[in-house]
Amino acid sequence: MKARLKSSGFLKRIFHIETAERNYEIIYEGGNIGYESVHVNGLLVVKKRGLLWMTPTFDFMIGSLPARIAVSFWPWLSIQSLWLTIGDKVVYTEGSDPKATFFRFS
């Protein structure tokens, strides 16, 4: 399995994932008013509302594999860390482990 960050922006990350099954595009969007979302190949797979709308984890499927995005934020609402896990493998890390960060908002 291969994963790469395709693009990033304010509270948004786009990933290209290659698995044995097929290729996927995963989009995390945290900048929506009042909610965050994850899309896989253009389809909405998770939409969450939370305290101040920031929520720490998003569980979804990529084909037959379970996936999780774990994210934490700075108080000024920029991404502090973001980890993408597919199956039991962490395929992308940005910042330190989100579970260990202080500013999680939930």
N, C-alpha and C. Protein backbone atom coordinates (compact mmCIF):
# COMPACT_ATOMS: atom_id res chain seq x y z
N MET A 1 0.84 -1.17 0.00
CA MET A 1 0.00 0.00 0.00
C MET A 1 0.89 1.24 0.00
N LYS A 2 0.50 2.22 -0.80
CA LYS A 2 1.22 3.48 -0.86
C LYS A 2 0.25 4.62 -0.57
N ALA A 3 0.72 5.62 0.13
CA ALA A 3 -0.09 6.80 0.42
C ALA A 3 0.78 8.03 0.26
N ARG A 4 0.18 9.06 -0.31
CA ARG A 4 0.92 10.33 -0.41
C ARG A 4 -0.07 11.48 -0.26
N LEU A 5 0.44 12.58 0.27
CA LEU A 5 -0.34 13.80 0.36
C LEU A 5 -0.36 14.43 -1.01
N LYS A 6 -1.54 14.57 -1.56
CA LYS A 6 -1.70 15.14 -2.90
C LYS A 6 -1.75 16.66 -2.83
N SER A 7 -2.46 17.18 -1.83
CA SER A 7 -2.51 18.63 -1.65
C SER A 7 -2.98 18.95 -0.25
N SER A 8 -2.66 20.16 0.20
CA SER A 8 -3.09 20.61 1.52
C SER A 8 -3.47 22.07 1.47
N GLY A 9 -4.38 22.43 2.34
CA GLY A 9 -4.83 23.81 2.45
C GLY A 9 -5.31 24.04 3.87
N PHE A 10 -5.89 25.18 4.12
CA PHE A 10 -6.39 25.50 5.45
C PHE A 10 -7.44 24.47 5.85
N LEU A 11 -7.13 23.65 6.86
CA LEU A 11 -8.03 22.63 7.39
C LEU A 11 -8.51 21.64 6.33
N LYS A 12 -7.68 21.39 5.32
CA LYS A 12 -8.03 20.44 4.27
C LYS A 12 -6.80 19.67 3.83
N ARG A 13 -6.97 18.36 3.68
CA ARG A 13 -5.90 17.51 3.17
C ARG A 13 -6.49 16.56 2.14
N ILE A 14 -5.77 16.34 1.03
CA ILE A 14 -6.19 15.41 0.00
C ILE A 14 -5.08 14.37 -0.16
N PHE A 15 -5.45 13.10 -0.06
CA PHE A 15 -4.50 11.99 -0.13
C PHE A 15 -4.78 11.12 -1.35
N HIS A 16 -3.72 10.59 -1.93
CA HIS A 16 -3.83 9.57 -2.98
C HIS A 16 -3.35 8.27 -2.35
N ILE A 17 -4.20 7.24 -2.40
CA ILE A 17 -3.91 5.96 -1.78
C ILE A 17 -3.93 4.88 -2.85
N GLU A 18 -2.90 4.04 -2.87
CA GLU A 18 -2.85 2.88 -3.76
C GLU A 18 -2.90 1.62 -2.91
N THR A 19 -3.93 0.79 -3.12
CA THR A 19 -4.04 -0.49 -2.42
C THR A 19 -4.02 -1.60 -3.46
N ALA A 20 -4.00 -2.85 -2.99
CA ALA A 20 -4.07 -3.99 -3.89
C ALA A 20 -5.40 -4.01 -4.63
N GLU A 21 -6.47 -3.48 -4.01
CA GLU A 21 -7.79 -3.47 -4.63
C GLU A 21 -7.90 -2.43 -5.74
N ARG A 22 -7.47 -1.20 -5.44
CA ARG A 22 -7.58 -0.09 -6.39
C ARG A 22 -6.98 1.17 -5.80
N ASN A 23 -7.06 2.28 -6.51
CA ASN A 23 -6.59 3.58 -6.04
C ASN A 23 -7.76 4.36 -5.47
N TYR A 24 -7.44 5.20 -4.48
CA TYR A 24 -8.47 6.00 -3.81
C TYR A 24 -7.98 7.43 -3.63
N GLU A 25 -8.92 8.35 -3.59
CA GLU A 25 -8.64 9.72 -3.19
C GLU A 25 -9.45 9.97 -1.92
N ILE A 26 -8.75 10.36 -0.86
CA ILE A 26 -9.40 10.68 0.41
C ILE A 26 -9.25 12.17 0.65
N ILE A 27 -10.37 12.81 0.96
CA ILE A 27 -10.35 14.24 1.26
C ILE A 27 -10.87 14.45 2.67
N TYR A 28 -10.05 15.08 3.52
CA TYR A 28 -10.48 15.52 4.84
C TYR A 28 -10.73 17.02 4.74
N GLU A 29 -11.92 17.45 5.15
CA GLU A 29 -12.25 18.88 5.15
C GLU A 29 -12.72 19.28 6.54
N GLY A 30 -11.93 20.12 7.19
CA GLY A 30 -12.28 20.59 8.52
C GLY A 30 -12.76 22.03 8.54
N GLY A 31 -12.75 22.70 7.40
CA GLY A 31 -13.08 24.11 7.36
C GLY A 31 -14.52 24.43 7.04
N ASN A 32 -15.39 23.42 7.03
CA ASN A 32 -16.80 23.67 6.78
C ASN A 32 -17.44 24.33 8.00
N ILE A 33 -18.41 25.17 7.81
CA ILE A 33 -19.06 25.86 8.92
C ILE A 33 -19.87 24.86 9.73
N GLY A 34 -19.39 24.56 10.95
CA GLY A 34 -20.14 23.71 11.87
C GLY A 34 -19.93 22.23 11.74
N TYR A 35 -19.14 21.76 10.80
CA TYR A 35 -18.90 20.31 10.69
C TYR A 35 -17.61 20.03 9.95
N GLU A 36 -17.16 18.78 10.07
CA GLU A 36 -16.01 18.27 9.33
C GLU A 36 -16.48 17.08 8.52
N SER A 37 -15.75 16.76 7.45
CA SER A 37 -16.17 15.64 6.61
C SER A 37 -14.98 14.94 6.00
N VAL A 38 -15.24 13.68 5.60
CA VAL A 38 -14.27 12.87 4.87
C VAL A 38 -14.98 12.32 3.64
N HIS A 39 -14.32 12.44 2.50
CA HIS A 39 -14.84 11.90 1.24
C HIS A 39 -13.85 10.86 0.72
N VAL A 40 -14.36 9.79 0.16
CA VAL A 40 -13.53 8.78 -0.51
C VAL A 40 -14.02 8.69 -1.95
N ASN A 41 -13.13 8.98 -2.87
CA ASN A 41 -13.45 8.99 -4.30
C ASN A 41 -14.71 9.80 -4.59
N GLY A 42 -14.83 10.95 -3.95
CA GLY A 42 -15.94 11.87 -4.20
C GLY A 42 -17.21 11.59 -3.42
N LEU A 43 -17.26 10.49 -2.69
CA LEU A 43 -18.46 10.16 -1.91
C LEU A 43 -18.25 10.51 -0.44
N LEU A 44 -19.23 11.18 0.15
CA LEU A 44 -19.18 11.51 1.56
C LEU A 44 -19.28 10.23 2.38
N VAL A 45 -18.29 9.96 3.23
CA VAL A 45 -18.30 8.75 4.06
C VAL A 45 -18.44 9.06 5.55
N VAL A 46 -18.05 10.27 5.97
CA VAL A 46 -18.20 10.68 7.37
C VAL A 46 -18.47 12.17 7.40
N LYS A 47 -19.45 12.56 8.22
CA LYS A 47 -19.72 13.97 8.47
C LYS A 47 -20.01 14.10 9.96
N LYS A 48 -19.24 14.94 10.66
CA LYS A 48 -19.38 15.05 12.11
C LYS A 48 -19.49 16.49 12.55
N ARG A 49 -20.30 16.67 13.57
CA ARG A 49 -20.37 17.94 14.29
C ARG A 49 -19.83 17.68 15.68
N GLY A 50 -19.15 18.66 16.25
CA GLY A 50 -18.60 18.50 17.59
C GLY A 50 -18.53 19.84 18.29
N LEU A 51 -18.02 19.83 19.51
CA LEU A 51 -17.81 21.05 20.26
C LEU A 51 -16.93 21.97 19.42
N LEU A 52 -17.43 23.15 19.11
CA LEU A 52 -16.73 24.08 18.21
C LEU A 52 -16.48 23.45 16.85
N TRP A 53 -17.19 22.41 16.54
CA TRP A 53 -17.21 21.59 15.34
C TRP A 53 -15.98 20.70 15.15
N MET A 54 -14.93 20.85 15.95
CA MET A 54 -13.73 20.05 15.77
C MET A 54 -13.85 18.72 16.51
N THR A 55 -13.73 17.61 15.79
CA THR A 55 -13.80 16.28 16.38
C THR A 55 -12.50 15.54 16.10
N PRO A 56 -12.08 14.65 17.00
CA PRO A 56 -10.72 14.09 16.88
C PRO A 56 -10.54 12.90 15.95
N THR A 57 -11.57 12.08 15.71
CA THR A 57 -11.36 10.90 14.89
C THR A 57 -12.51 10.67 13.92
N PHE A 58 -12.16 10.08 12.79
CA PHE A 58 -13.11 9.77 11.73
C PHE A 58 -12.83 8.35 11.27
N ASP A 59 -13.78 7.45 11.49
CA ASP A 59 -13.64 6.05 11.09
C ASP A 59 -14.48 5.80 9.85
N PHE A 60 -13.90 5.12 8.87
CA PHE A 60 -14.59 4.85 7.61
C PHE A 60 -13.91 3.67 6.93
N MET A 61 -14.42 3.27 5.79
CA MET A 61 -13.86 2.15 5.05
C MET A 61 -13.26 2.64 3.74
N ILE A 62 -12.15 2.01 3.35
CA ILE A 62 -11.56 2.19 2.03
C ILE A 62 -11.60 0.81 1.39
N GLY A 63 -12.57 0.58 0.54
CA GLY A 63 -12.79 -0.76 0.02
C GLY A 63 -13.13 -1.69 1.17
N SER A 64 -12.34 -2.74 1.36
CA SER A 64 -12.58 -3.68 2.45
C SER A 64 -11.73 -3.38 3.68
N LEU A 65 -10.98 -2.29 3.66
CA LEU A 65 -10.08 -1.95 4.76
C LEU A 65 -10.66 -0.85 5.66
N PRO A 66 -10.59 -1.04 6.98
CA PRO A 66 -10.99 0.05 7.88
C PRO A 66 -9.93 1.15 7.84
N ALA A 67 -10.40 2.38 7.94
CA ALA A 67 -9.48 3.53 7.92
C ALA A 67 -9.87 4.50 9.02
N ARG A 68 -8.91 5.30 9.45
CA ARG A 68 -9.16 6.31 10.49
C ARG A 68 -8.29 7.53 10.22
N ILE A 69 -8.89 8.68 10.33
CA ILE A 69 -8.15 9.94 10.38
C ILE A 69 -8.27 10.46 11.79
N ALA A 70 -7.12 10.71 12.42
CA ALA A 70 -7.07 11.29 13.76
C ALA A 70 -6.43 12.66 13.61
N VAL A 71 -7.09 13.67 14.15
CA VAL A 71 -6.64 15.05 13.93
C VAL A 71 -6.75 15.85 15.23
N SER A 72 -5.84 16.78 15.41
CA SER A 72 -5.92 17.73 16.52
C SER A 72 -5.60 19.12 15.99
N PHE A 73 -6.01 20.12 16.74
CA PHE A 73 -5.94 21.50 16.26
C PHE A 73 -5.27 22.41 17.28
N TRP A 74 -4.65 23.46 16.78
CA TRP A 74 -4.14 24.52 17.62
C TRP A 74 -5.32 25.41 18.03
N PRO A 75 -5.18 26.18 19.11
CA PRO A 75 -6.29 27.06 19.53
C PRO A 75 -6.69 28.07 18.44
N TRP A 76 -5.78 28.42 17.55
CA TRP A 76 -6.11 29.37 16.47
C TRP A 76 -6.68 28.64 15.25
N LEU A 77 -7.12 27.38 15.45
CA LEU A 77 -7.85 26.59 14.46
C LEU A 77 -7.05 26.28 13.19
N SER A 78 -5.83 25.86 13.39
CA SER A 78 -5.08 25.25 12.29
C SER A 78 -4.72 23.83 12.74
N ILE A 79 -4.42 22.96 11.79
CA ILE A 79 -4.13 21.58 12.13
C ILE A 79 -2.82 21.47 12.88
N GLN A 80 -2.87 20.86 14.04
CA GLN A 80 -1.68 20.59 14.85
C GLN A 80 -1.07 19.26 14.45
N SER A 81 -1.91 18.27 14.24
CA SER A 81 -1.44 16.96 13.79
C SER A 81 -2.58 16.23 13.09
N LEU A 82 -2.19 15.36 12.17
CA LEU A 82 -3.15 14.54 11.44
C LEU A 82 -2.47 13.24 11.07
N TRP A 83 -3.09 12.12 11.45
CA TRP A 83 -2.57 10.79 11.12
C TRP A 83 -3.64 10.05 10.36
N LEU A 84 -3.24 9.36 9.30
CA LEU A 84 -4.14 8.52 8.52
C LEU A 84 -3.69 7.07 8.69
N THR A 85 -4.61 6.23 9.17
CA THR A 85 -4.34 4.81 9.37
C THR A 85 -5.27 4.02 8.46
N ILE A 86 -4.72 3.05 7.76
CA ILE A 86 -5.51 2.15 6.91
C ILE A 86 -5.16 0.73 7.34
N GLY A 87 -6.20 -0.05 7.68
CA GLY A 87 -5.95 -1.36 8.27
C GLY A 87 -5.25 -1.15 9.60
N ASP A 88 -4.13 -1.79 9.80
CA ASP A 88 -3.37 -1.60 11.04
C ASP A 88 -2.09 -0.81 10.80
N LYS A 89 -2.01 -0.12 9.65
CA LYS A 89 -0.79 0.58 9.27
C LYS A 89 -1.02 2.09 9.20
N VAL A 90 -0.18 2.85 9.90
CA VAL A 90 -0.20 4.31 9.78
C VAL A 90 0.48 4.66 8.47
N VAL A 91 -0.27 5.26 7.54
CA VAL A 91 0.26 5.52 6.20
C VAL A 91 0.64 6.98 5.99
N TYR A 92 0.21 7.87 6.89
CA TYR A 92 0.57 9.29 6.77
C TYR A 92 0.59 9.91 8.15
N THR A 93 1.61 10.69 8.45
CA THR A 93 1.69 11.43 9.71
C THR A 93 2.07 12.87 9.44
N GLU A 94 1.44 13.71 10.17
CA GLU A 94 1.74 15.15 10.13
C GLU A 94 1.68 15.61 11.58
N GLY A 95 2.80 16.02 12.13
CA GLY A 95 2.83 16.40 13.54
C GLY A 95 2.95 15.17 14.43
N SER A 96 2.81 15.40 15.74
CA SER A 96 2.92 14.30 16.70
C SER A 96 1.61 13.53 16.77
N ASP A 97 1.61 12.42 17.48
CA ASP A 97 0.43 11.58 17.63
C ASP A 97 -0.73 12.42 18.17
N PRO A 98 -1.85 12.51 17.43
CA PRO A 98 -2.98 13.34 17.88
C PRO A 98 -3.53 12.93 19.24
N LYS A 99 -3.39 11.67 19.63
CA LYS A 99 -3.89 11.24 20.94
C LYS A 99 -3.06 11.84 22.06
N ALA A 100 -1.84 12.27 21.76
CA ALA A 100 -0.95 12.81 22.79
C ALA A 100 -0.94 14.33 22.85
N THR A 101 -1.68 14.99 21.99
CA THR A 101 -1.65 16.44 21.95
C THR A 101 -2.67 17.03 22.90
N PHE A 102 -2.41 18.24 23.33
CA PHE A 102 -3.24 18.88 24.34
C PHE A 102 -4.52 19.49 23.75
N PHE A 103 -4.43 20.11 22.63
CA PHE A 103 -5.57 20.85 22.07
C PHE A 103 -6.40 19.96 21.15
N ARG A 104 -7.35 19.22 21.74
CA ARG A 104 -8.15 18.30 20.95
C ARG A 104 -9.60 18.75 20.81
N PHE A 105 -10.08 19.64 21.63
CA PHE A 105 -11.43 20.20 21.55
C PHE A 105 -12.55 19.18 21.76
N SER A 106 -12.26 18.00 22.28
CA SER A 106 -13.36 17.08 22.59
C SER A 106 -12.89 16.01 23.55
